[in-house]
């Protein structure tokens, strides 16, 4: 799950228990998370810092950052997604 405190929280799906908190991927609230259809170890996050971040949940690290001067995330309900083959965001 992603949160307005700019953190990503990982949960154990077997028990429902909290597993790990990832910080430092964004410096503003994170508005959405999308699981990569081509890599089960990666999620795409969308932040109010106007960036998308491809996060490796095994390493707790941003493997690729996407930003463009024309992209602005101006609302908390803005959502990012990936193409079915995982090649495009």
PDB file of N, CA and C in Angstrom:
ATOM      1  N   UNK A   1       0.845  -1.174   0.000  1.00  0.00           N
ATOM      2  CA  UNK A   1       0.000   0.000   0.000  1.00  0.00           C
ATOM      3  C   UNK A   1       0.893   1.241   0.000  1.00  0.00           C
ATOM      4  N   UNK A   2       0.370   2.332  -0.538  1.00  0.00           N
ATOM      5  CA  UNK A   2       1.105   3.601  -0.556  1.00  0.00           C
ATOM      6  C   UNK A   2       0.320   4.637   0.234  1.00  0.00           C
ATOM      7  N   UNK A   3       1.055   5.671   0.709  1.00  0.00           N
ATOM      8  CA  UNK A   3       0.428   6.562   1.671  1.00  0.00           C
ATOM      9  C   UNK A   3       0.798   8.018   1.439  1.00  0.00           C
ATOM     10  N   UNK A   4      -0.003   8.892   2.003  1.00  0.00           N
ATOM     11  CA  UNK A   4       0.218  10.325   1.864  1.00  0.00           C
ATOM     12  C   UNK A   4       1.448  10.806   2.629  1.00  0.00           C
ATOM     13  N   UNK A   5       2.019   9.962   3.487  1.00  0.00           N
ATOM     14  CA  UNK A   5       3.273  10.311   4.155  1.00  0.00           C
ATOM     15  C   UNK A   5       4.485   9.937   3.298  1.00  0.00           C
ATOM     16  N   UNK A   6       4.256   9.619   2.024  1.00  0.00           N
ATOM     17  CA  UNK A   6       5.282   9.290   1.022  1.00  0.00           C
ATOM     18  C   UNK A   6       5.965   7.961   1.294  1.00  0.00           C
ATOM     19  N   UNK A   7       5.295   7.052   1.974  1.00  0.00           N
ATOM     20  CA  UNK A   7       5.883   5.736   2.232  1.00  0.00           C
ATOM     21  C   UNK A   7       5.117   4.642   1.494  1.00  0.00           C
ATOM     22  N   UNK A   8       5.826   3.539   1.292  1.00  0.00           N
ATOM     23  CA  UNK A   8       5.241   2.318   0.736  1.00  0.00           C
ATOM     24  C   UNK A   8       5.260   1.301   1.868  1.00  0.00           C
ATOM     25  N   UNK A   9       4.123   0.680   2.133  1.00  0.00           N
ATOM     26  CA  UNK A   9       4.079  -0.325   3.192  1.00  0.00           C
ATOM     27  C   UNK A   9       3.762  -1.676   2.566  1.00  0.00           C
ATOM     28  N   UNK A  10       4.593  -2.643   2.912  1.00  0.00           N
ATOM     29  CA  UNK A  10       4.437  -4.005   2.404  1.00  0.00           C
ATOM     30  C   UNK A  10       3.825  -4.875   3.494  1.00  0.00           C
ATOM     31  N   UNK A  11       2.920  -5.758   3.080  1.00  0.00           N
ATOM     32  CA  UNK A  11       2.165  -6.585   4.007  1.00  0.00           C
ATOM     33  C   UNK A  11       2.327  -8.053   3.635  1.00  0.00           C
ATOM     34  N   UNK A  12       2.338  -8.917   4.605  1.00  0.00           N
ATOM     35  CA  UNK A  12       2.395 -10.366   4.388  1.00  0.00           C
ATOM     36  C   UNK A  12       0.994 -10.833   4.009  1.00  0.00           C
ATOM     37  N   UNK A  13       0.836 -11.333   2.798  1.00  0.00           N
ATOM     38  CA  UNK A  13      -0.498 -11.731   2.326  1.00  0.00           C
ATOM     39  C   UNK A  13      -1.004 -12.996   3.014  1.00  0.00           C
ATOM     40  N   UNK A  14      -0.112 -13.770   3.596  1.00  0.00           N
ATOM     41  CA  UNK A  14      -0.545 -14.991   4.294  1.00  0.00           C
ATOM     42  C   UNK A  14      -1.140 -14.694   5.655  1.00  0.00           C
ATOM     43  N   UNK A  15      -0.548 -13.703   6.356  1.00  0.00           N
ATOM     44  CA  UNK A  15      -0.987 -13.415   7.729  1.00  0.00           C
ATOM     45  C   UNK A  15      -1.725 -12.100   7.864  1.00  0.00           C
ATOM     46  N   UNK A  16      -1.521 -11.179   6.904  1.00  0.00           N
ATOM     47  CA  UNK A  16      -2.096  -9.852   6.996  1.00  0.00           C
ATOM     48  C   UNK A  16      -1.266  -8.907   7.848  1.00  0.00           C
ATOM     49  N   UNK A  17      -0.118  -9.390   8.312  1.00  0.00           N
ATOM     50  CA  UNK A  17       0.748  -8.574   9.167  1.00  0.00           C
ATOM     51  C   UNK A  17       1.597  -7.609   8.342  1.00  0.00           C
ATOM     52  N   UNK A  18       1.910  -6.480   8.957  1.00  0.00           N
ATOM     53  CA  UNK A  18       2.828  -5.520   8.371  1.00  0.00           C
ATOM     54  C   UNK A  18       4.201  -6.174   8.247  1.00  0.00           C
ATOM     55  N   UNK A  19       4.882  -5.967   7.079  1.00  0.00           N
ATOM     56  CA  UNK A  19       6.180  -6.606   6.853  1.00  0.00           C
ATOM     57  C   UNK A  19       7.333  -5.605   6.771  1.00  0.00           C
ATOM     58  N   UNK A  20       7.150  -4.505   6.044  1.00  0.00           N
ATOM     59  CA  UNK A  20       8.259  -3.571   5.844  1.00  0.00           C
ATOM     60  C   UNK A  20       7.733  -2.232   5.337  1.00  0.00           C
ATOM     61  N   UNK A  21       8.422  -1.161   5.715  1.00  0.00           N
ATOM     62  CA  UNK A  21       8.097   0.175   5.217  1.00  0.00           C
ATOM     63  C   UNK A  21       9.256   0.679   4.365  1.00  0.00           C
ATOM     64  N   UNK A  22       8.936   1.166   3.169  1.00  0.00           N
ATOM     65  CA  UNK A  22       9.934   1.707   2.249  1.00  0.00           C
ATOM     66  C   UNK A  22       9.733   3.212   2.182  1.00  0.00           C
ATOM     67  N   UNK A  23      10.789   3.968   2.423  1.00  0.00           N
ATOM     68  CA  UNK A  23      10.719   5.423   2.351  1.00  0.00           C
ATOM     69  C   UNK A  23      11.803   5.928   1.400  1.00  0.00           C
ATOM     70  N   UNK A  24      11.705   7.186   1.034  1.00  0.00           N
ATOM     71  CA  UNK A  24      12.722   7.801   0.198  1.00  0.00           C
ATOM     72  C   UNK A  24      12.515   7.660  -1.298  1.00  0.00           C
ATOM     73  N   UNK A  25      11.435   7.009  -1.721  1.00  0.00           N
ATOM     74  CA  UNK A  25      11.174   6.882  -3.154  1.00  0.00           C
ATOM     75  C   UNK A  25      10.605   8.183  -3.712  1.00  0.00           C
ATOM     76  N   UNK A  26       9.799   8.872  -2.902  1.00  0.00           N
ATOM     77  CA  UNK A  26       9.184  10.151  -3.276  1.00  0.00           C
ATOM     78  C   UNK A  26       9.364  11.122  -2.126  1.00  0.00           C
ATOM     79  N   UNK A  27       9.345  12.421  -2.440  1.00  0.00           N
ATOM     80  CA  UNK A  27       9.427  13.418  -1.373  1.00  0.00           C
ATOM     81  C   UNK A  27       8.107  14.157  -1.174  1.00  0.00           C
ATOM     82  N   UNK A  28       7.056  13.652  -1.791  1.00  0.00           N
ATOM     83  CA  UNK A  28       5.690  14.153  -1.623  1.00  0.00           C
ATOM     84  C   UNK A  28       4.776  12.930  -1.488  1.00  0.00           C
ATOM     85  N   UNK A  29       3.499  13.118  -1.125  1.00  0.00           N
ATOM     86  CA  UNK A  29       2.596  11.974  -0.991  1.00  0.00           C
ATOM     87  C   UNK A  29       2.577  11.085  -2.236  1.00  0.00           C
ATOM     88  N   UNK A  30       2.415   9.796  -2.000  1.00  0.00           N
ATOM     89  CA  UNK A  30       2.282   8.825  -3.091  1.00  0.00           C
ATOM     90  C   UNK A  30       0.795   8.577  -3.297  1.00  0.00           C
ATOM     91  N   UNK A  31       0.348   8.706  -4.541  1.00  0.00           N
ATOM     92  CA  UNK A  31      -1.091   8.636  -4.813  1.00  0.00           C
ATOM     93  C   UNK A  31      -1.561   7.293  -5.365  1.00  0.00           C
ATOM     94  N   UNK A  32      -0.633   6.466  -5.878  1.00  0.00           N
ATOM     95  CA  UNK A  32      -1.084   5.169  -6.377  1.00  0.00           C
ATOM     96  C   UNK A  32       0.073   4.196  -6.464  1.00  0.00           C
ATOM     97  N   UNK A  33      -0.288   2.930  -6.515  1.00  0.00           N
ATOM     98  CA  UNK A  33       0.677   1.852  -6.726  1.00  0.00           C
ATOM     99  C   UNK A  33       0.060   0.874  -7.719  1.00  0.00           C
ATOM    100  N   UNK A  34       0.898   0.350  -8.607  1.00  0.00           N
ATOM    101  CA  UNK A  34       0.442  -0.592  -9.627  1.00  0.00           C
ATOM    102  C   UNK A  34       1.472  -1.709  -9.718  1.00  0.00           C
ATOM    103  N   UNK A  35       1.013  -2.943  -9.631  1.00  0.00           N
ATOM    104  CA  UNK A  35       1.907  -4.093  -9.727  1.00  0.00           C
ATOM    105  C   UNK A  35       2.335  -4.294 -11.172  1.00  0.00           C
ATOM    106  N   UNK A  36       3.601  -4.574 -11.389  1.00  0.00           N
ATOM    107  CA  UNK A  36       4.097  -4.806 -12.748  1.00  0.00           C
ATOM    108  C   UNK A  36       3.562  -6.127 -13.287  1.00  0.00           C
ATOM    109  N   UNK A  37       2.952  -6.110 -14.471  1.00  0.00           N
ATOM    110  CA  UNK A  37       2.449  -7.364 -15.046  1.00  0.00           C
ATOM    111  C   UNK A  37       3.571  -8.263 -15.575  1.00  0.00           C
ATOM    112  N   UNK A  38       4.758  -7.709 -15.773  1.00  0.00           N
ATOM    113  CA  UNK A  38       5.850  -8.504 -16.345  1.00  0.00           C
ATOM    114  C   UNK A  38       6.930  -8.881 -15.326  1.00  0.00           C
ATOM    115  N   UNK A  39       6.878  -8.302 -14.120  1.00  0.00           N
ATOM    116  CA  UNK A  39       7.882  -8.603 -13.104  1.00  0.00           C
ATOM    117  C   UNK A  39       7.208  -8.561 -11.737  1.00  0.00           C
ATOM    118  N   UNK A  40       7.009  -9.704 -11.137  1.00  0.00           N
ATOM    119  CA  UNK A  40       6.272  -9.773  -9.871  1.00  0.00           C
ATOM    120  C   UNK A  40       7.016  -9.125  -8.704  1.00  0.00           C
ATOM    121  N   UNK A  41       8.264  -8.736  -8.897  1.00  0.00           N
ATOM    122  CA  UNK A  41       9.043  -8.096  -7.847  1.00  0.00           C
ATOM    123  C   UNK A  41       9.036  -6.573  -7.942  1.00  0.00           C
ATOM    124  N   UNK A  42       8.267  -6.018  -8.882  1.00  0.00           N
ATOM    125  CA  UNK A  42       8.278  -4.581  -9.081  1.00  0.00           C
ATOM    126  C   UNK A  42       6.873  -3.988  -9.009  1.00  0.00           C
ATOM    127  N   UNK A  43       6.822  -2.755  -8.470  1.00  0.00           N
ATOM    128  CA  UNK A  43       5.588  -1.977  -8.456  1.00  0.00           C
ATOM    129  C   UNK A  43       5.910  -0.583  -8.980  1.00  0.00           C
ATOM    130  N   UNK A  44       4.912   0.054  -9.573  1.00  0.00           N
ATOM    131  CA  UNK A  44       5.035   1.413 -10.066  1.00  0.00           C
ATOM    132  C   UNK A  44       4.293   2.333  -9.106  1.00  0.00           C
ATOM    133  N   UNK A  45       4.980   3.361  -8.614  1.00  0.00           N
ATOM    134  CA  UNK A  45       4.332   4.333  -7.733  1.00  0.00           C
ATOM    135  C   UNK A  45       4.222   5.674  -8.439  1.00  0.00           C
ATOM    136  N   UNK A  46       3.213   6.436  -8.051  1.00  0.00           N
ATOM    137  CA  UNK A  46       2.951   7.759  -8.610  1.00  0.00           C
ATOM    138  C   UNK A  46       2.926   8.743  -7.449  1.00  0.00           C
ATOM    139  N   UNK A  47       3.768   9.771  -7.515  1.00  0.00           N
ATOM    140  CA  UNK A  47       3.854  10.706  -6.398  1.00  0.00           C
ATOM    141  C   UNK A  47       3.448  12.118  -6.758  1.00  0.00           C
ATOM    142  N   UNK A  48       3.073  12.877  -5.723  1.00  0.00           N
ATOM    143  CA  UNK A  48       2.736  14.284  -5.908  1.00  0.00           C
ATOM    144  C   UNK A  48       3.977  15.113  -6.234  1.00  0.00           C
ATOM    145  N   UNK A  49       5.161  14.494  -6.198  1.00  0.00           N
ATOM    146  CA  UNK A  49       6.397  15.158  -6.624  1.00  0.00           C
ATOM    147  C   UNK A  49       6.558  15.111  -8.141  1.00  0.00           C
ATOM    148  N   UNK A  50       5.473  14.714  -8.844  1.00  0.00           N
ATOM    149  CA  UNK A  50       5.419  14.681 -10.316  1.00  0.00           C
ATOM    150  C   UNK A  50       6.374  13.653 -10.912  1.00  0.00           C
ATOM    151  N   UNK A  51       6.567  12.545 -10.199  1.00  0.00           N
ATOM    152  CA  UNK A  51       7.432  11.477 -10.690  1.00  0.00           C
ATOM    153  C   UNK A  51       6.762  10.128 -10.517  1.00  0.00           C
ATOM    154  N   UNK A  52       7.127   9.214 -11.393  1.00  0.00           N
ATOM    155  CA  UNK A  52       6.750   7.812 -11.269  1.00  0.00           C
ATOM    156  C   UNK A  52       8.019   7.061 -10.904  1.00  0.00           C
ATOM    157  N   UNK A  53       7.885   6.053 -10.079  1.00  0.00           N
ATOM    158  CA  UNK A  53       9.060   5.305  -9.637  1.00  0.00           C
ATOM    159  C   UNK A  53       8.772   3.808  -9.748  1.00  0.00           C
ATOM    160  N   UNK A  54       9.640   3.086 -10.435  1.00  0.00           N
ATOM    161  CA  UNK A  54       9.547   1.638 -10.527  1.00  0.00           C
ATOM    162  C   UNK A  54      10.378   1.072  -9.380  1.00  0.00           C
ATOM    163  N   UNK A  55       9.712   0.444  -8.421  1.00  0.00           N
ATOM    164  CA  UNK A  55      10.350   0.011  -7.177  1.00  0.00           C
ATOM    165  C   UNK A  55      10.500  -1.506  -7.163  1.00  0.00           C
ATOM    166  N   UNK A  56      11.697  -1.971  -6.835  1.00  0.00           N
ATOM    167  CA  UNK A  56      11.956  -3.394  -6.617  1.00  0.00           C
ATOM    168  C   UNK A  56      11.644  -3.684  -5.153  1.00  0.00           C
ATOM    169  N   UNK A  57      10.600  -4.471  -4.895  1.00  0.00           N
ATOM    170  CA  UNK A  57      10.167  -4.715  -3.522  1.00  0.00           C
ATOM    171  C   UNK A  57      11.069  -5.710  -2.791  1.00  0.00           C
ATOM    172  N   UNK A  58      11.969  -6.384  -3.491  1.00  0.00           N
ATOM    173  CA  UNK A  58      12.939  -7.259  -2.827  1.00  0.00           C
ATOM    174  C   UNK A  58      14.097  -6.450  -2.258  1.00  0.00           C
ATOM    175  N   UNK A  59      14.510  -5.421  -3.008  1.00  0.00           N
ATOM    176  CA  UNK A  59      15.665  -4.614  -2.624  1.00  0.00           C
ATOM    177  C   UNK A  59      15.273  -3.296  -1.965  1.00  0.00           C
ATOM    178  N   UNK A  60      13.963  -2.979  -1.979  1.00  0.00           N
ATOM    179  CA  UNK A  60      13.463  -1.709  -1.427  1.00  0.00           C
ATOM    180  C   UNK A  60      14.165  -0.524  -2.084  1.00  0.00           C
ATOM    181  N   UNK A  61      14.244  -0.565  -3.417  1.00  0.00           N
ATOM    182  CA  UNK A  61      14.992   0.447  -4.150  1.00  0.00           C
ATOM    183  C   UNK A  61      14.252   0.837  -5.426  1.00  0.00           C
ATOM    184  N   UNK A  62      14.402   2.096  -5.817  1.00  0.00           N
ATOM    185  CA  UNK A  62      13.847   2.576  -7.078  1.00  0.00           C
ATOM    186  C   UNK A  62      14.803   2.181  -8.200  1.00  0.00           C
ATOM    187  N   UNK A  63      14.338   1.328  -9.102  1.00  0.00           N
ATOM    188  CA  UNK A  63      15.199   0.871 -10.200  1.00  0.00           C
ATOM    189  C   UNK A  63      15.108   1.781 -11.416  1.00  0.00           C
ATOM    190  N   UNK A  64      14.021   2.552 -11.530  1.00  0.00           N
ATOM    191  CA  UNK A  64      13.879   3.504 -12.623  1.00  0.00           C
ATOM    192  C   UNK A  64      12.912   4.598 -12.213  1.00  0.00           C
ATOM    193  N   UNK A  65      13.291   5.823 -12.506  1.00  0.00           N
ATOM    194  CA  UNK A  65      12.448   6.986 -12.190  1.00  0.00           C
ATOM    195  C   UNK A  65      12.003   7.617 -13.508  1.00  0.00           C
ATOM    196  N   UNK A  66      10.730   7.959 -13.578  1.00  0.00           N
ATOM    197  CA  UNK A  66      10.169   8.585 -14.771  1.00  0.00           C
ATOM    198  C   UNK A  66       9.706   9.994 -14.412  1.00  0.00           C
ATOM    199  N   UNK A  67      10.203  10.989 -15.153  1.00  0.00           N
ATOM    200  CA  UNK A  67       9.751  12.359 -14.940  1.00  0.00           C
ATOM    201  C   UNK A  67       9.851  13.127 -16.251  1.00  0.00           C
ATOM    202  N   UNK A  68       8.975  14.105 -16.380  1.00  0.00           N
ATOM    203  CA  UNK A  68       8.927  14.931 -17.577  1.00  0.00           C
ATOM    204  C   UNK A  68       8.351  16.282 -17.175  1.00  0.00           C
ATOM    205  N   UNK A  69       8.864  17.337 -17.764  1.00  0.00           N
ATOM    206  CA  UNK A  69       8.417  18.681 -17.386  1.00  0.00           C
ATOM    207  C   UNK A  69       6.916  18.882 -17.632  1.00  0.00           C
ATOM    208  N   UNK A  70       6.334  18.126 -18.544  1.00  0.00           N
ATOM    209  CA  UNK A  70       4.913  18.264 -18.849  1.00  0.00           C
ATOM    210  C   UNK A  70       4.001  17.431 -17.968  1.00  0.00           C
ATOM    211  N   UNK A  71       4.566  16.569 -17.131  1.00  0.00           N
ATOM    212  CA  UNK A  71       3.738  15.724 -16.269  1.00  0.00           C
ATOM    213  C   UNK A  71       3.601  16.352 -14.892  1.00  0.00           C
ATOM    214  N   UNK A  72       2.369  16.595 -14.476  1.00  0.00           N
ATOM    215  CA  UNK A  72       2.073  17.157 -13.162  1.00  0.00           C
ATOM    216  C   UNK A  72       0.998  16.313 -12.488  1.00  0.00           C
ATOM    217  N   UNK A  73       1.289  15.853 -11.283  1.00  0.00           N
ATOM    218  CA  UNK A  73       0.318  15.111 -10.490  1.00  0.00           C
ATOM    219  C   UNK A  73      -0.282  16.083  -9.487  1.00  0.00           C
ATOM    220  N   UNK A  74      -1.394  16.686  -9.840  1.00  0.00           N
ATOM    221  CA  UNK A  74      -1.970  17.748  -9.039  1.00  0.00           C
ATOM    222  C   UNK A  74      -3.044  17.330  -8.053  1.00  0.00           C
ATOM    223  N   UNK A  75      -3.378  16.036  -7.994  1.00  0.00           N
ATOM    224  CA  UNK A  75      -4.449  15.590  -7.106  1.00  0.00           C
ATOM    225  C   UNK A  75      -4.062  14.273  -6.428  1.00  0.00           C
ATOM    226  N   UNK A  76      -4.622  14.032  -5.263  1.00  0.00           N
ATOM    227  CA  UNK A  76      -4.293  12.814  -4.518  1.00  0.00           C
ATOM    228  C   UNK A  76      -4.904  11.549  -5.103  1.00  0.00           C
ATOM    229  N   UNK A  77      -5.851  11.663  -6.015  1.00  0.00           N
ATOM    230  CA  UNK A  77      -6.479  10.473  -6.594  1.00  0.00           C
ATOM    231  C   UNK A  77      -5.913  10.146  -7.979  1.00  0.00           C
ATOM    232  N   UNK A  78      -4.872  10.847  -8.390  1.00  0.00           N
ATOM    233  CA  UNK A  78      -4.218  10.553  -9.665  1.00  0.00           C
ATOM    234  C   UNK A  78      -3.574   9.171  -9.600  1.00  0.00           C
ATOM    235  N   UNK A  79      -3.656   8.432 -10.697  1.00  0.00           N
ATOM    236  CA  UNK A  79      -3.249   7.043 -10.682  1.00  0.00           C
ATOM    237  C   UNK A  79      -2.382   6.727 -11.886  1.00  0.00           C
ATOM    238  N   UNK A  80      -1.344   5.935 -11.672  1.00  0.00           N
ATOM    239  CA  UNK A  80      -0.491   5.462 -12.765  1.00  0.00           C
ATOM    240  C   UNK A  80      -0.755   3.987 -12.996  1.00  0.00           C
ATOM    241  N   UNK A  81      -0.493   3.549 -14.217  1.00  0.00           N
ATOM    242  CA  UNK A  81      -0.674   2.137 -14.542  1.00  0.00           C
ATOM    243  C   UNK A  81       0.355   1.734 -15.587  1.00  0.00           C
ATOM    244  N   UNK A  82       0.462   0.454 -15.828  1.00  0.00           N
ATOM    245  CA  UNK A  82       1.409  -0.073 -16.811  1.00  0.00           C
ATOM    246  C   UNK A  82       0.635  -0.805 -17.913  1.00  0.00           C
ATOM    247  N   UNK A  83       1.248  -0.867 -19.096  1.00  0.00           N
ATOM    248  CA  UNK A  83       0.642  -1.609 -20.193  1.00  0.00           C
ATOM    249  C   UNK A  83       0.632  -3.108 -19.842  1.00  0.00           C
ATOM    250  N   UNK A  84      -0.243  -3.887 -20.466  1.00  0.00           N
ATOM    251  CA  UNK A  84      -0.355  -5.317 -20.142  1.00  0.00           C
ATOM    252  C   UNK A  84       0.958  -6.097 -20.265  1.00  0.00           C
ATOM    253  N   UNK A  85       1.851  -5.647 -21.165  1.00  0.00           N
ATOM    254  CA  UNK A  85       3.135  -6.348 -21.293  1.00  0.00           C
ATOM    255  C   UNK A  85       4.220  -5.768 -20.401  1.00  0.00           C
ATOM    256  N   UNK A  86       3.909  -4.698 -19.651  1.00  0.00           N
ATOM    257  CA  UNK A  86       4.849  -4.096 -18.720  1.00  0.00           C
ATOM    258  C   UNK A  86       5.909  -3.234 -19.364  1.00  0.00           C
ATOM    259  N   UNK A  87       5.787  -2.956 -20.662  1.00  0.00           N
ATOM    260  CA  UNK A  87       6.806  -2.179 -21.365  1.00  0.00           C
ATOM    261  C   UNK A  87       6.595  -0.672 -21.276  1.00  0.00           C
ATOM    262  N   UNK A  88       5.381  -0.254 -20.966  1.00  0.00           N
ATOM    263  CA  UNK A  88       5.060   1.179 -20.950  1.00  0.00           C
ATOM    264  C   UNK A  88       4.339   1.543 -19.661  1.00  0.00           C
ATOM    265  N   UNK A  89       4.571   2.786 -19.196  1.00  0.00           N
ATOM    266  CA  UNK A  89       3.849   3.283 -18.025  1.00  0.00           C
ATOM    267  C   UNK A  89       2.950   4.413 -18.449  1.00  0.00           C
TER     268      UNK A  89
END
